[in-house]
Structure formats: structure tokens, C-alpha cells
Amino acid sequence: MHPTLRRLAAIFALGAFVAALVILVVFLFRNAGMLLTGIVGLMFIALGAWWLVTGTRRRQAVGGVAIVLGAVIVGIAIARVVHDTDRLVVRLVVLAVLLALAFGCGRAALLREIDHLVVSGRAAAVPQHAVLLCNPWSGGGKVEQFGLVERAAELGVETVLLDHGLDLEQLARDAVARGADCLGMAGGDGSQALVASIAVEHDLPFVCVSAGTRNHFALDLGLDRDDPRLSMEAFRDGTERRVDYATVGDRFFVNNVSLGVYAAIVQEGGYREAKVETARQKLPEILGAQAEPFDLQFTTPEGEQIDGAILIMVSNNPYVMGISPDSAQRRRLDTGELGVFAVTTQTGAAAARLIAGAALGRRTRSPFWHEFSASEFEIRSRSGSAAAGVDGEALQLDTPLRFRIHAGGLRLFVPADNPAAASRRAAREVDLNNLLAIAAGRDRTTEGDT
């Protein structure tokens, strides 16, 4: 679509939605309760429509339900105020037309932006000697629970089980030495990163099998976390994707490196067995009135010197904040950028308020919140070392910590339907700001085209 037409479509979409909102307010102005009810219904419709465009099948189904529910709520609100049947029908039709116009024009305006986010892939050659390394204890025993060893045998994939006293890195290197032309890992994020680093080192494709507890990497790749057997289809009928990975010094990571509060908690011996209880016990000590400031310093892209941040997270591609940093997700893994956010409040209570505000989209208003992206980043400390959680693994690292993104450096074999799922996930990052930017003539997808 021509940029001028896209801009007009965005303007019409915004105008139609505002008009629907104004008309709803006018219809229900005399009844505050029904007015609020009607606005809630309108929000359900808008949210459901967006999920229909960009969601997975499950989210699309929820979106359809939300639209129907929203329409029922709006209809009830108007019916409670307007008792004349003819007037009621006319007003409902007007609202329906305006909402349809808003949805249709908005979809047209954003279509290129959504298409711009399509995750590409190509048919993967079937490996001749694929090796799947398995952690039998990960995720409460998912390897056995889902019969992954048996499924691997059906696919002609060699399996290697991690056992007490064995070194996962050495097992992966031994597999390469035996002629493996594809490496896979059935386990959690830490073991995924380790085996993926060996695959990168030898320019081999990697298969991520989501057999861990939380599987953040698999989630952000758009893989099915509920049934790890589905990821194993990549060995037989897969698609090759290129995604980014990151390093801190010479250490590889696929998710993130955390410093400050989280890193201090991860260092505790009982953290993995009792995460909530360990955090509850340690936080008063770490953030209490007598606590020492964290020995962490960095410089923002604008040149501002930051000292004493209580929390720093550097991620392989930027996160979209959730209710807490731990619930944040990445929509894409191919932007070629590190994501960085830091909290510089000095008390736990202030940090909690800030994180809550961040979840509501108000983080940029706080001087204690720093968020940006970069291809390289450095964290310093006066002591010469810092505690860090690298993909959830507790480590003590020498400083300065130098972070780099390696764009497209990881070859992945994924199930054939994964690029489509990843594209829908990427498209969910398209939001109202994109539509406003297009309406204002700031079309980010065409920047640099001419």
C-alpha cells in the first residue's frame, strides 16, 4: 500500500474508534454505571480484534470470545438506557459499523508492518547423525514423562543421557568428535545455552527441546512448551532459522545475564529447590536500611554515568516488560540488539513501586528506570568482580563485563510450523504507538528504503 494510503487508513482507524467511544459516551451519558460498563465492553472488542490479527490459534479463539463478550456487554449497557427498540437497533448498528471501520482500516494500515515482522526459514536438510543430549532430572523428569528417548529412536536420533559425575560440555564435544552433524538439548535454559554454544563453535544446527521447568528460550522462539516431543520433529521435517545469541566476555548466553538483587539471590545454595522462600529470606538483607549499595557501574548510550544499580538485566534481544522482570518476554530473537534495563532505587519498597509501574507502562517516567538497546554494552565494578546469573546459572565474573550481540549467529532446526508461530509472536509487538506513528507520517517500516 502507498504510504499516503496507509497514513489515511491509520487516521480513519483512529478516528473511527474515537467516534465509537464518543458515541458510546453520548448514548450512556445519563447513567454512569452503564457508561463504564459500555466502555469496558468496547475495550473487550478492541483487544479481541487485535488478538484475532496477531495471536496464536489459542489466543485467536480467546480474541473471538472477547469480541462476542464485549458486544454483549455494550448491547446490554445500551439496552438498559435506550428502551425504544428501533433506536436501540440503529445505535448498535452505528457502533458496529464504526468498530468494523476501525478494525479494517487499522489492519490495512499495519499490514505491511506485520508482514515486515515475518520470521523467515528454509527447509532444513535431514541430519544424518543427529545427537540429542538429555537431562533426565530437568523439568521434574520430562525426558521420561514424555518418552523423549523412545521418540528419538523412532526418528533415528542418537541420545546421550546426562548422569551424575558427567560433564555436559564434554558429552557434547564427544558427540561432535563422533561425527554429529546436528546437536539437540532436552533440558533447561542453562543446558540449552551450553550445548548451543558447542553447536555454534562447530557451525552445526541446534535443536531446542523444551524439557526444562520454565523454558524461556523455547517460549521466546515460539516453540510448544507443553509437549517437548513436538520440537523433536525438527530432526526429521524441520525448518532452518537464524537467531541471535549474545556473549558476556567469552561466555555464551541465549536469554539474559542478571546482576544485583537477582544475582545475589541466585548465589544462595538452596535457591533452585525453594526460589520463593530463598528470595523472601534474602531480600530484607539485600535491600534493607543497612545494606551496602551494589558495586555496579555503567554508562548509558546518552553518556550518563550510573552507579549502584540494584538490578541490571542484559538480554539477548530486548524484553517486553510483564508484571515483573521474571515474567518479561521477547517478541523477537533476530533484532541484532541487546536489551538492557536497570533499576537504581535504593530501597526495596521503592523498587517494588517502580516494577509495578513498569508493568503498567509507566517505567519511562521514573528517573530510577533505565532502558535501552545496544549492540555492545559494558558493566564495571570497583572490586574487579561481580555476581551474575547467566541464563539462571550462578557465577562470579571478572569485571569489566563486556556484552556483545551476535546477529544471526545461531542456526536452529525448528518444526515446520515454527516460523509462522514466531511471526505471530513478533507481530504482537505492533501496538497503538505503531498506528499513531503511521497516522503522523512516521512510518518506521519505510525508513531507509529510499
Protein backbone atom coordinates (compact mmCIF):
# COMPACT_ATOMS: atom_id res chain seq x y z
CA MET A 1 0.00 0.00 0.00
CA HIS A 2 1.22 3.51 -0.84
CA PRO A 3 2.46 5.42 2.25
CA THR A 4 -0.22 8.09 1.78
CA LEU A 5 -2.97 5.48 1.70
CA ARG A 6 -1.51 3.76 4.76
CA ARG A 7 -1.50 7.06 6.61
CA LEU A 8 -5.11 7.72 5.63
CA ALA A 9 -6.09 4.22 6.75
CA ALA A 10 -4.40 4.81 10.12
CA ILE A 11 -6.16 8.16 10.53
CA PHE A 12 -9.54 6.62 9.64
CA ALA A 13 -8.92 3.73 12.06
CA LEU A 14 -8.11 6.05 14.95
CA GLY A 15 -10.94 8.40 14.05
CA ALA A 16 -13.49 5.61 13.83
CA PHE A 17 -12.52 4.17 17.19
CA VAL A 18 -12.62 7.61 18.86
CA ALA A 19 -16.00 8.27 17.24
CA ALA A 20 -17.32 4.94 18.56
CA LEU A 21 -16.09 5.85 22.02
CA VAL A 22 -17.65 9.33 21.86
CA ILE A 23 -20.97 7.97 20.61
CA LEU A 24 -21.00 5.38 23.36
CA VAL A 25 -20.39 8.10 25.95
CA VAL A 26 -23.21 10.19 24.48
CA PHE A 27 -25.58 7.20 24.45
CA LEU A 28 -24.89 6.36 28.07
CA PHE A 29 -24.07 9.80 29.49
CA ARG A 30 -27.03 9.86 31.87
CA ASN A 31 -26.10 6.59 33.53
CA ALA A 32 -22.56 6.49 34.91
CA GLY A 33 -22.72 2.78 35.71
CA MET A 34 -23.83 1.81 32.23
CA LEU A 35 -21.29 4.22 30.73
CA LEU A 36 -18.46 2.44 32.50
CA THR A 37 -19.94 -0.92 31.51
CA GLY A 38 -20.12 0.14 27.87
CA ILE A 39 -16.52 1.35 27.81
CA VAL A 40 -15.37 -1.94 29.32
CA GLY A 41 -17.24 -3.78 26.58
CA LEU A 42 -15.62 -1.60 23.94
CA MET A 43 -12.18 -2.42 25.34
CA PHE A 44 -13.00 -6.14 25.16
CA ILE A 45 -13.91 -5.73 21.49
CA ALA A 46 -10.70 -3.83 20.68
CA LEU A 47 -8.48 -6.32 22.49
CA GLY A 48 -10.23 -9.30 20.94
CA ALA A 49 -9.91 -7.84 17.44
CA TRP A 50 -6.17 -7.36 17.90
CA TRP A 51 -5.70 -10.92 19.13
CA LEU A 52 -7.57 -12.21 16.09
CA VAL A 53 -5.00 -10.50 13.87
CA THR A 54 -1.77 -11.35 15.67
CA GLY A 55 -2.41 -14.22 18.07
CA THR A 56 -1.81 -17.95 18.04
CA ARG A 57 -4.80 -20.23 17.50
CA ARG A 58 -5.46 -20.33 21.22
CA ARG A 59 -5.18 -16.56 21.52
CA GLN A 60 -7.31 -16.08 18.39
CA ALA A 61 -10.01 -18.22 19.98
CA VAL A 62 -9.83 -16.10 23.12
CA GLY A 63 -9.97 -12.99 20.92
CA GLY A 64 -13.17 -14.21 19.27
CA VAL A 65 -14.73 -14.85 22.67
CA ALA A 66 -13.63 -11.38 23.84
CA ILE A 67 -15.31 -9.73 20.84
CA VAL A 68 -18.57 -11.56 21.45
CA LEU A 69 -18.44 -10.82 25.17
CA GLY A 70 -17.65 -7.16 24.52
CA ALA A 71 -20.53 -6.85 22.06
CA VAL A 72 -22.93 -8.40 24.57
CA ILE A 73 -21.72 -6.03 27.31
CA VAL A 74 -22.14 -2.97 25.06
CA GLY A 75 -25.55 -4.18 23.92
CA ILE A 76 -26.75 -4.69 27.49
CA ALA A 77 -25.46 -1.27 28.54
CA ILE A 78 -27.29 0.49 25.70
CA ALA A 79 -30.44 -1.60 26.17
CA ARG A 80 -30.58 -0.57 29.83
CA VAL A 81 -30.62 3.10 28.80
CA VAL A 82 -32.43 3.07 25.45
CA HIS A 83 -35.89 1.47 25.70
CA ASP A 84 -37.07 2.22 22.16
CA THR A 85 -36.27 -0.90 20.06
CA ASP A 86 -35.78 1.00 16.78
CA ARG A 87 -33.40 3.49 18.36
CA LEU A 88 -31.55 0.67 20.07
CA VAL A 89 -31.01 -1.19 16.79
CA VAL A 90 -29.87 1.95 14.98
CA ARG A 91 -27.34 2.82 17.67
CA LEU A 92 -25.96 -0.69 17.81
CA VAL A 93 -25.59 -0.72 14.01
CA VAL A 94 -23.78 2.64 14.07
CA LEU A 95 -21.37 1.35 16.71
CA ALA A 96 -20.82 -1.90 14.79
CA VAL A 97 -20.05 -0.02 11.56
CA LEU A 98 -17.59 2.30 13.30
CA LEU A 99 -15.81 -0.59 15.03
CA ALA A 100 -15.64 -2.56 11.78
CA LEU A 101 -14.17 0.50 10.05
CA ALA A 102 -11.65 0.97 12.85
CA PHE A 103 -10.60 -2.69 12.71
CA GLY A 104 -10.45 -2.88 8.90
CA CYS A 105 -8.53 0.37 8.41
CA GLY A 106 -6.21 -0.41 11.28
CA ARG A 107 -5.47 -3.82 9.80
CA ALA A 108 -4.78 -2.28 6.39
CA ALA A 109 -2.50 0.39 7.87
CA LEU A 110 -0.49 -2.11 9.90
CA LEU A 111 -0.43 -4.88 7.30
CA ARG A 112 3.00 -4.02 5.96
CA GLU A 113 4.35 -3.59 9.47
CA ILE A 114 3.05 -7.03 10.43
CA ASP A 115 4.38 -8.54 7.20
CA HIS A 116 7.70 -6.81 7.90
CA LEU A 117 7.97 -8.96 11.04
CA VAL A 118 7.56 -12.30 9.27
CA VAL A 119 10.15 -14.77 10.54
CA SER A 120 11.88 -16.42 7.64
CA GLY A 121 13.05 -20.00 7.38
CA ARG A 122 14.07 -22.53 4.79
CA ALA A 123 13.72 -26.28 4.55
CA ALA A 124 16.39 -27.96 6.63
CA ALA A 125 18.44 -30.86 5.34
CA VAL A 126 17.69 -34.02 7.31
CA PRO A 127 20.67 -34.70 9.62
CA GLN A 128 22.48 -37.98 9.02
CA HIS A 129 23.87 -38.23 12.55
CA ALA A 130 21.86 -36.10 14.95
CA VAL A 131 22.58 -36.35 18.67
CA LEU A 132 20.15 -35.32 21.41
CA LEU A 133 21.63 -34.74 24.85
CA CYS A 134 19.11 -35.23 27.64
CA ASN A 135 18.99 -34.10 31.25
CA PRO A 136 16.76 -36.74 32.88
CA TRP A 137 16.14 -34.61 36.00
CA SER A 138 15.20 -31.39 34.22
CA GLY A 139 11.62 -30.18 34.49
CA GLY A 140 10.77 -32.81 37.08
CA GLY A 141 11.68 -35.67 34.75
CA LYS A 142 10.16 -34.57 31.42
CA VAL A 143 12.56 -36.72 29.42
CA GLU A 144 11.00 -39.88 30.87
CA GLN A 145 7.50 -38.43 31.23
CA PHE A 146 7.22 -37.64 27.51
CA GLY A 147 9.22 -40.63 26.28
CA LEU A 148 11.82 -38.47 24.56
CA VAL A 149 14.44 -41.22 24.32
CA GLU A 150 11.94 -43.53 22.63
CA ARG A 151 10.79 -40.78 20.28
CA ALA A 152 14.40 -40.01 19.36
CA ALA A 153 14.95 -43.67 18.47
CA GLU A 154 11.92 -43.55 16.16
CA LEU A 155 13.42 -40.51 14.45
CA GLY A 156 16.84 -42.12 14.11
CA VAL A 157 18.44 -39.70 16.58
CA GLU A 158 21.18 -40.83 18.96
CA THR A 159 20.52 -39.92 22.61
CA VAL A 160 23.06 -39.24 25.33
CA LEU A 161 21.80 -39.10 28.93
CA LEU A 162 23.45 -36.82 31.43
CA ASP A 163 24.30 -38.73 34.61
CA HIS A 164 25.83 -37.82 37.97
CA GLY A 165 29.51 -37.06 37.59
CA LEU A 166 29.31 -36.49 33.83
CA ASP A 167 30.17 -33.18 32.21
CA LEU A 168 27.56 -31.90 29.73
CA GLU A 169 30.05 -29.85 27.75
CA GLN A 170 32.36 -32.84 27.33
CA LEU A 171 29.43 -35.03 26.29
CA ALA A 172 28.54 -32.50 23.58
CA ARG A 173 32.13 -32.30 22.38
CA ASP A 174 32.39 -36.08 22.32
CA ALA A 175 29.24 -36.19 20.16
CA VAL A 176 30.85 -33.81 17.68
CA ALA A 177 34.02 -35.90 17.68
CA ARG A 178 31.91 -38.96 16.78
CA GLY A 179 30.64 -37.16 13.69
CA ALA A 180 27.40 -35.49 14.87
CA ASP A 181 26.05 -33.14 12.21
CA CYS A 182 23.26 -31.74 14.43
CA LEU A 183 23.10 -31.23 18.20
CA GLY A 184 19.95 -31.06 20.31
CA MET A 185 19.36 -30.50 24.01
CA ALA A 186 16.41 -31.69 26.07
CA GLY A 187 16.71 -29.67 29.26
CA GLY A 188 16.50 -26.24 30.82
CA ASP A 189 17.81 -22.88 29.63
CA GLY A 190 21.30 -23.22 31.12
CA SER A 191 21.97 -26.54 29.39
CA GLN A 192 20.35 -25.25 26.18
CA ALA A 193 22.85 -22.38 26.11
CA LEU A 194 25.82 -24.64 26.76
CA VAL A 195 25.04 -27.14 24.01
CA ALA A 196 24.04 -24.34 21.61
CA SER A 197 27.46 -22.75 22.16
CA ILE A 198 29.15 -26.01 21.09
CA ALA A 199 26.92 -26.11 18.01
CA VAL A 200 27.91 -22.54 17.12
CA GLU A 201 31.57 -23.30 17.67
CA HIS A 202 31.40 -26.13 15.11
CA ASP A 203 28.86 -24.43 12.78
CA LEU A 204 26.26 -27.11 13.43
CA PRO A 205 22.48 -26.70 13.61
CA PHE A 206 20.88 -26.84 17.05
CA VAL A 207 17.50 -28.26 18.13
CA CYS A 208 15.90 -26.85 21.30
CA VAL A 209 13.71 -29.45 23.05
CA SER A 210 11.69 -27.81 25.81
CA ALA A 211 12.23 -30.30 28.63
CA GLY A 212 13.08 -27.79 31.38
CA THR A 213 10.96 -26.20 34.08
CA ARG A 214 10.24 -22.80 32.52
CA ASN A 215 11.87 -22.97 29.09
CA HIS A 216 12.15 -19.22 28.48
CA PHE A 217 14.26 -19.72 25.36
CA ALA A 218 11.70 -22.10 23.85
CA LEU A 219 8.89 -19.67 24.75
CA ASP A 220 10.57 -16.74 23.03
CA LEU A 221 11.35 -18.90 19.99
CA GLY A 222 7.64 -19.66 19.67
CA LEU A 223 8.08 -23.39 20.36
CA ASP A 224 5.45 -25.52 22.08
CA ARG A 225 6.45 -25.82 25.75
CA ASP A 226 3.61 -28.14 26.72
CA ASP A 227 4.80 -31.10 24.67
CA PRO A 228 8.56 -31.30 24.02
CA ARG A 229 8.01 -34.15 21.54
CA LEU A 230 6.72 -31.60 19.02
CA SER A 231 10.08 -29.80 18.99
CA MET A 232 11.77 -33.08 18.05
CA GLU A 233 10.01 -33.06 14.68
CA ALA A 234 12.77 -30.63 13.65
CA PHE A 235 15.16 -33.57 13.36
CA ARG A 236 13.09 -35.18 10.60
CA ASP A 237 10.98 -32.49 8.93
CA GLY A 238 12.46 -29.21 10.08
CA THR A 239 12.96 -25.63 9.02
CA GLU A 240 16.21 -23.75 9.49
CA ARG A 241 16.04 -20.40 11.30
CA ARG A 242 18.80 -17.95 12.14
CA VAL A 243 18.56 -16.21 15.51
CA ASP A 244 20.89 -14.08 17.59
CA TYR A 245 22.95 -15.13 20.56
CA ALA A 246 24.93 -12.98 22.98
CA THR A 247 28.15 -13.20 24.95
CA VAL A 248 29.48 -11.71 28.16
CA GLY A 249 33.23 -11.91 27.77
CA ASP A 250 33.71 -15.33 26.20
CA ARG A 251 30.62 -16.82 27.88
CA PHE A 252 27.64 -17.63 25.65
CA PHE A 253 24.00 -16.95 26.62
CA VAL A 254 20.65 -17.21 24.88
CA ASN A 255 18.39 -15.47 27.41
CA ASN A 256 19.92 -12.94 29.79
CA VAL A 257 22.51 -12.01 32.37
CA SER A 258 21.20 -10.54 35.64
CA LEU A 259 23.23 -8.61 38.20
CA GLY A 260 22.36 -7.05 41.52
CA VAL A 261 19.41 -8.34 43.54
CA TYR A 262 18.57 -11.35 41.38
CA ALA A 263 22.19 -12.43 41.04
CA ALA A 264 22.67 -12.23 44.81
CA ILE A 265 19.65 -14.48 45.40
CA VAL A 266 20.71 -16.99 42.73
CA GLN A 267 24.06 -17.38 44.52
CA GLU A 268 22.28 -18.93 47.53
CA GLY A 269 22.70 -22.69 47.74
CA GLY A 270 19.00 -23.50 48.24
CA TYR A 271 17.68 -21.20 45.52
CA ARG A 272 16.80 -23.87 42.92
CA GLU A 273 14.88 -26.01 45.41
CA ALA A 274 13.00 -23.14 47.09
CA LYS A 275 13.09 -20.00 44.95
CA VAL A 276 10.29 -18.07 46.64
CA GLU A 277 11.41 -18.89 50.18
CA THR A 278 15.04 -18.05 49.41
CA ALA A 279 14.04 -14.70 47.90
CA ARG A 280 11.80 -13.92 50.88
CA GLN A 281 14.63 -14.55 53.31
CA LYS A 282 17.35 -12.73 51.39
CA LEU A 283 15.55 -9.60 50.14
CA PRO A 284 15.41 -7.83 53.55
CA GLU A 285 19.11 -8.40 53.95
CA ILE A 286 19.97 -7.31 50.40
CA LEU A 287 17.70 -4.24 50.28
CA GLY A 288 17.44 -3.35 53.98
CA ALA A 289 18.36 0.00 55.50
CA GLN A 290 21.81 -1.28 56.48
CA ALA A 291 22.57 -2.90 53.13
CA GLU A 292 25.57 -1.73 51.12
CA PRO A 293 24.93 -0.31 47.63
CA PHE A 294 25.71 -2.71 44.80
CA ASP A 295 29.15 -2.21 43.29
CA LEU A 296 27.92 -1.86 39.71
CA GLN A 297 28.53 0.97 37.26
CA PHE A 298 27.68 1.53 33.59
CA THR A 299 27.27 4.32 31.04
CA THR A 300 24.03 4.85 29.11
CA PRO A 301 24.06 5.49 25.33
CA GLU A 302 23.45 9.18 26.17
CA GLY A 303 26.65 9.26 28.23
CA GLU A 304 25.04 9.29 31.68
CA GLN A 305 27.15 7.58 34.36
CA ILE A 306 25.10 5.21 36.55
CA ASP A 307 26.44 3.88 39.86
CA GLY A 308 24.91 1.48 42.40
CA ALA A 309 22.05 -0.04 40.35
CA ILE A 310 20.23 -2.65 42.45
CA LEU A 311 19.15 -4.60 39.36
CA ILE A 312 20.62 -4.84 35.86
CA MET A 313 19.44 -7.23 33.17
CA VAL A 314 21.21 -7.57 29.84
CA SER A 315 19.33 -9.77 27.39
CA ASN A 316 19.79 -11.41 24.02
CA ASN A 317 17.27 -9.11 22.26
CA PRO A 318 15.03 -6.70 24.21
CA TYR A 319 12.29 -7.86 26.55
CA VAL A 320 8.72 -6.61 26.71
CA MET A 321 8.07 -5.99 30.40
CA GLY A 322 5.43 -8.03 32.22
CA ILE A 323 4.15 -7.83 35.77
CA SER A 324 7.71 -8.49 36.98
CA PRO A 325 11.12 -8.74 35.28
CA ASP A 326 10.90 -12.51 35.65
CA SER A 327 7.69 -12.59 33.58
CA ALA A 328 9.08 -10.42 30.77
CA GLN A 329 9.17 -11.94 27.28
CA ARG A 330 10.92 -11.29 23.99
CA ARG A 331 8.80 -10.96 20.87
CA ARG A 332 11.78 -11.43 18.57
CA LEU A 333 15.22 -13.02 18.64
CA ASP A 334 16.59 -11.51 15.44
CA THR A 335 16.81 -7.75 16.06
CA GLY A 336 20.61 -7.75 16.36
CA GLU A 337 20.39 -5.78 19.62
CA LEU A 338 21.00 -6.40 23.30
CA GLY A 339 18.22 -5.31 25.62
CA VAL A 340 19.28 -3.50 28.79
CA PHE A 341 17.23 -2.33 31.75
CA ALA A 342 18.39 -1.24 35.18
CA VAL A 343 16.78 -0.09 38.44
CA THR A 344 18.63 2.47 40.57
CA THR A 345 16.29 2.90 43.55
CA GLN A 346 17.93 2.45 46.95
CA THR A 347 15.12 0.68 48.83
CA GLY A 348 13.09 -2.45 48.24
CA ALA A 349 9.78 -0.60 48.63
CA ALA A 350 10.73 1.97 46.00
CA ALA A 351 11.91 -0.81 43.68
CA ALA A 352 8.60 -2.66 44.09
CA ARG A 353 6.66 0.50 43.19
CA LEU A 354 8.88 1.04 40.18
CA ILE A 355 8.50 -2.52 38.90
CA ALA A 356 4.72 -2.27 39.36
CA GLY A 357 4.73 0.97 37.38
CA ALA A 358 6.86 -0.68 34.69
CA ALA A 359 4.26 -3.42 34.27
CA LEU A 360 1.66 -0.69 33.66
CA GLY A 361 3.82 1.01 31.03
CA ARG A 362 4.86 3.92 33.27
CA ARG A 363 8.52 2.96 33.68
CA THR A 364 9.94 5.65 31.38
CA ARG A 365 8.53 8.34 33.66
CA SER A 366 10.83 7.36 36.51
CA PRO A 367 14.39 8.69 36.81
CA PHE A 368 15.28 5.40 38.52
CA TRP A 369 14.48 3.28 35.45
CA HIS A 370 16.95 2.96 32.59
CA GLU A 371 16.04 1.01 29.47
CA PHE A 372 17.75 0.93 26.08
CA SER A 373 19.16 -1.37 23.40
CA ALA A 374 22.69 -1.63 22.05
CA SER A 375 24.92 -3.97 20.08
CA GLU A 376 27.62 -3.73 22.78
CA PHE A 377 27.49 -2.83 26.48
CA GLU A 378 29.85 -2.75 29.46
CA ILE A 379 29.32 -3.06 33.22
CA ARG A 380 32.10 -2.11 35.64
CA SER A 381 32.81 -2.60 39.33
CA ARG A 382 35.47 -1.21 41.66
CA SER A 383 36.12 -4.61 43.23
CA GLY A 384 37.05 -6.26 39.93
CA SER A 385 34.32 -8.91 40.07
CA ALA A 386 30.53 -9.23 40.18
CA ALA A 387 27.98 -11.94 40.98
CA ALA A 388 25.85 -12.74 37.94
CA GLY A 389 23.05 -15.06 36.91
CA VAL A 390 23.83 -16.20 33.35
CA ASP A 391 20.78 -17.95 31.91
CA GLY A 392 19.90 -18.77 35.52
CA GLU A 393 23.34 -20.15 36.40
CA ALA A 394 25.06 -18.53 39.43
CA LEU A 395 28.54 -17.29 38.53
CA GLN A 396 31.21 -14.90 39.79
CA LEU A 397 32.66 -13.00 36.83
CA ASP A 398 35.65 -10.69 36.47
CA THR A 399 34.83 -7.11 35.55
CA PRO A 400 34.52 -5.14 33.38
CA LEU A 401 31.78 -7.29 31.82
CA ARG A 402 31.69 -6.75 28.08
CA PHE A 403 28.49 -7.80 26.33
CA ARG A 404 28.08 -8.34 22.59
CA ILE A 405 25.24 -9.46 20.34
CA HIS A 406 26.00 -11.90 17.53
CA ALA A 407 23.31 -11.30 14.93
CA GLY A 408 22.06 -14.45 13.21
CA GLY A 409 24.88 -16.47 14.73
CA LEU A 410 22.82 -19.47 15.89
CA ARG A 411 21.48 -21.97 13.35
CA LEU A 412 18.29 -23.55 14.59
CA PHE A 413 16.35 -26.50 13.27
CA VAL A 414 12.71 -25.99 14.30
CA PRO A 415 9.40 -27.70 13.42
CA ALA A 416 7.96 -26.67 10.07
CA ASP A 417 5.18 -24.58 11.66
CA ASN A 418 7.51 -22.62 13.94
CA PRO A 419 8.29 -19.66 11.61
CA ALA A 420 4.54 -18.91 11.36
CA ALA A 421 4.17 -19.12 15.15
CA ALA A 422 7.22 -16.90 15.64
CA SER A 423 5.82 -14.38 13.14
CA ARG A 424 2.56 -14.12 15.07
CA ARG A 425 4.57 -13.65 18.26
CA ALA A 426 6.65 -10.89 16.65
CA ALA A 427 3.53 -9.16 15.33
CA ARG A 428 2.10 -8.89 18.84
CA GLU A 429 4.74 -6.22 19.47
CA VAL A 430 2.94 -3.98 16.98
CA ASP A 431 0.81 -1.70 19.13
CA LEU A 432 -1.09 1.58 19.23
CA ASN A 433 2.18 3.52 19.01
CA ASN A 434 2.81 1.99 15.57
CA LEU A 435 -0.62 3.11 14.37
CA LEU A 436 -0.10 6.60 15.79
CA ALA A 437 3.33 6.79 14.12
CA ILE A 438 1.83 5.87 10.74
CA ALA A 439 -1.01 8.39 11.18
CA ALA A 440 1.56 11.10 11.98
CA GLY A 441 3.58 10.25 8.87
CA ARG A 442 6.39 8.48 10.77
CA ASP A 443 6.26 5.10 9.02
CA ARG A 444 9.12 3.16 10.62
CA THR A 445 8.98 0.31 8.11
CA THR A 446 9.85 2.62 5.23
CA GLU A 447 12.74 4.40 6.94
CA GLY A 448 15.86 3.85 4.97
CA ASP A 449 14.02 2.46 1.93
CA THR A 450 14.82 5.44 -0.21
